[in-house]
Amino acid sequence: MISDTRSGAVIAVRVIPRAAKSAIDGIRDGAVLVRLSAAPVDGAANAELIEVMAGALGVPKRAITIESGETSRRKTLQIAGVSAATVLTKLNL
C-alpha cells in the first residue's frame, strides 16, 4: 500500500470520482481511498487527486506523479521527498 523508494514514497490509491466532497477516507482493498468531487473527464479527477494529496501531505503538487493507472480508479502515486512513515502519519492511517 505505502512503501519507501530512493526518491520518496509510493502509494496505492483507489479513487471514487463524483463524490459529494473531496476527502481521504481511510483504506479499502489495500489502497488509500480518496473521494473526489471532480468527474473523470479530461484529467479533472487526476488533477484534483494530486491537489488533495499534496494538501494532505504538505508537499507541492509537482512532487506528486501518477506512476500507473492514469485512466483507472486504482492508481499508484509517487511522492518525492517524503518517507512512507511520514505519509502514514500525515494521512492518519
Protein backbone atom coordinates (compact mmCIF):
# COMPACT_ATOMS: atom_id res chain seq x y z
CA MET A 1 0.00 0.00 0.00
CA ILE A 2 2.65 2.56 1.03
CA SER A 3 6.35 1.88 0.59
CA ASP A 4 9.65 3.74 0.52
CA THR A 5 11.67 4.32 -2.66
CA ARG A 6 15.00 6.05 -3.22
CA SER A 7 13.30 9.33 -4.08
CA GLY A 8 10.35 9.24 -1.66
CA ALA A 9 7.28 7.05 -1.22
CA VAL A 10 4.87 5.09 -3.42
CA ILE A 11 1.18 4.96 -2.50
CA ALA A 12 -1.56 2.70 -3.87
CA VAL A 13 -4.75 4.75 -4.23
CA ARG A 14 -8.37 3.89 -5.01
CA VAL A 15 -10.34 6.85 -6.37
CA ILE A 16 -14.10 7.41 -6.23
CA PRO A 17 -15.00 10.28 -8.59
CA ARG A 18 -18.15 12.42 -8.44
CA ALA A 19 -18.32 12.30 -4.63
CA ALA A 20 -20.17 14.94 -2.61
CA LYS A 21 -16.83 16.36 -1.40
CA SER A 22 -13.16 15.59 -1.85
CA ALA A 23 -11.52 13.79 1.06
CA ILE A 24 -9.19 10.98 2.05
CA ASP A 25 -11.44 8.31 3.50
CA GLY A 26 -9.26 5.58 5.02
CA ILE A 27 -8.16 2.32 3.43
CA ARG A 28 -10.08 -0.05 1.16
CA ASP A 29 -8.82 -3.16 -0.63
CA GLY A 30 -5.20 -2.44 0.27
CA ALA A 31 -5.22 1.12 -1.07
CA VAL A 32 -5.80 4.60 0.31
CA LEU A 33 -9.40 5.57 -0.56
CA VAL A 34 -9.76 9.09 -1.96
CA ARG A 35 -13.16 10.55 -2.78
CA LEU A 36 -13.10 13.30 -5.42
CA SER A 37 -15.83 15.73 -6.37
CA ALA A 38 -14.45 16.02 -9.92
CA ALA A 39 -15.69 13.84 -12.77
CA PRO A 40 -13.18 11.61 -14.57
CA VAL A 41 -13.24 13.77 -17.70
CA ASP A 42 -10.25 15.42 -19.40
CA GLY A 43 -7.94 14.65 -16.46
CA ALA A 44 -10.01 16.66 -13.96
CA ALA A 45 -10.14 13.83 -11.41
CA ASN A 46 -6.38 13.20 -11.69
CA ALA A 47 -5.64 16.90 -11.19
CA GLU A 48 -7.90 17.01 -8.15
CA LEU A 49 -6.33 13.83 -6.76
CA ILE A 50 -2.88 15.44 -6.93
CA GLU A 51 -4.23 18.60 -5.32
CA VAL A 52 -5.93 16.70 -2.46
CA MET A 53 -2.88 14.52 -1.77
CA ALA A 54 -0.48 17.50 -1.92
CA GLY A 55 -2.60 19.38 0.60
CA ALA A 56 -2.86 16.41 2.94
CA LEU A 57 0.86 15.63 2.80
CA GLY A 58 2.11 19.22 2.85
CA VAL A 59 4.13 18.85 -0.35
CA PRO A 60 3.97 20.86 -3.58
CA LYS A 61 1.81 19.43 -6.38
CA ARG A 62 4.90 18.99 -8.54
CA ALA A 63 6.21 16.42 -6.02
CA ILE A 64 3.37 14.02 -6.87
CA THR A 65 3.21 11.99 -10.07
CA ILE A 66 0.84 9.26 -11.21
CA GLU A 67 3.07 6.25 -11.89
CA SER A 68 0.32 3.95 -13.13
CA GLY A 69 -3.44 3.85 -13.51
CA GLU A 70 -3.92 7.22 -15.19
CA THR A 71 -7.32 6.11 -16.59
CA SER A 72 -8.20 3.65 -13.82
CA ARG A 73 -9.77 4.01 -10.39
CA ARG A 74 -6.75 2.20 -8.93
CA LYS A 75 -3.62 4.32 -9.20
CA THR A 76 -0.06 4.31 -7.95
CA LEU A 77 1.32 7.67 -6.88
CA GLN A 78 4.99 8.59 -6.47
CA ILE A 79 5.56 11.22 -3.76
CA ALA A 80 9.01 12.80 -3.93
CA GLY A 81 10.83 13.87 -0.79
CA VAL A 82 8.76 12.10 1.89
CA SER A 83 9.06 8.73 3.58
CA ALA A 84 6.35 6.09 3.91
CA ALA A 85 6.27 6.72 7.67
CA THR A 86 5.64 10.43 7.08
CA VAL A 87 2.82 9.62 4.66
CA LEU A 88 1.17 7.30 7.19
CA THR A 89 1.44 9.94 9.91
CA LYS A 90 0.10 12.83 7.80
CA LEU A 91 -2.80 10.78 6.40
CA ASN A 92 -3.68 9.45 9.90
CA LEU A 93 -3.66 5.83 8.68
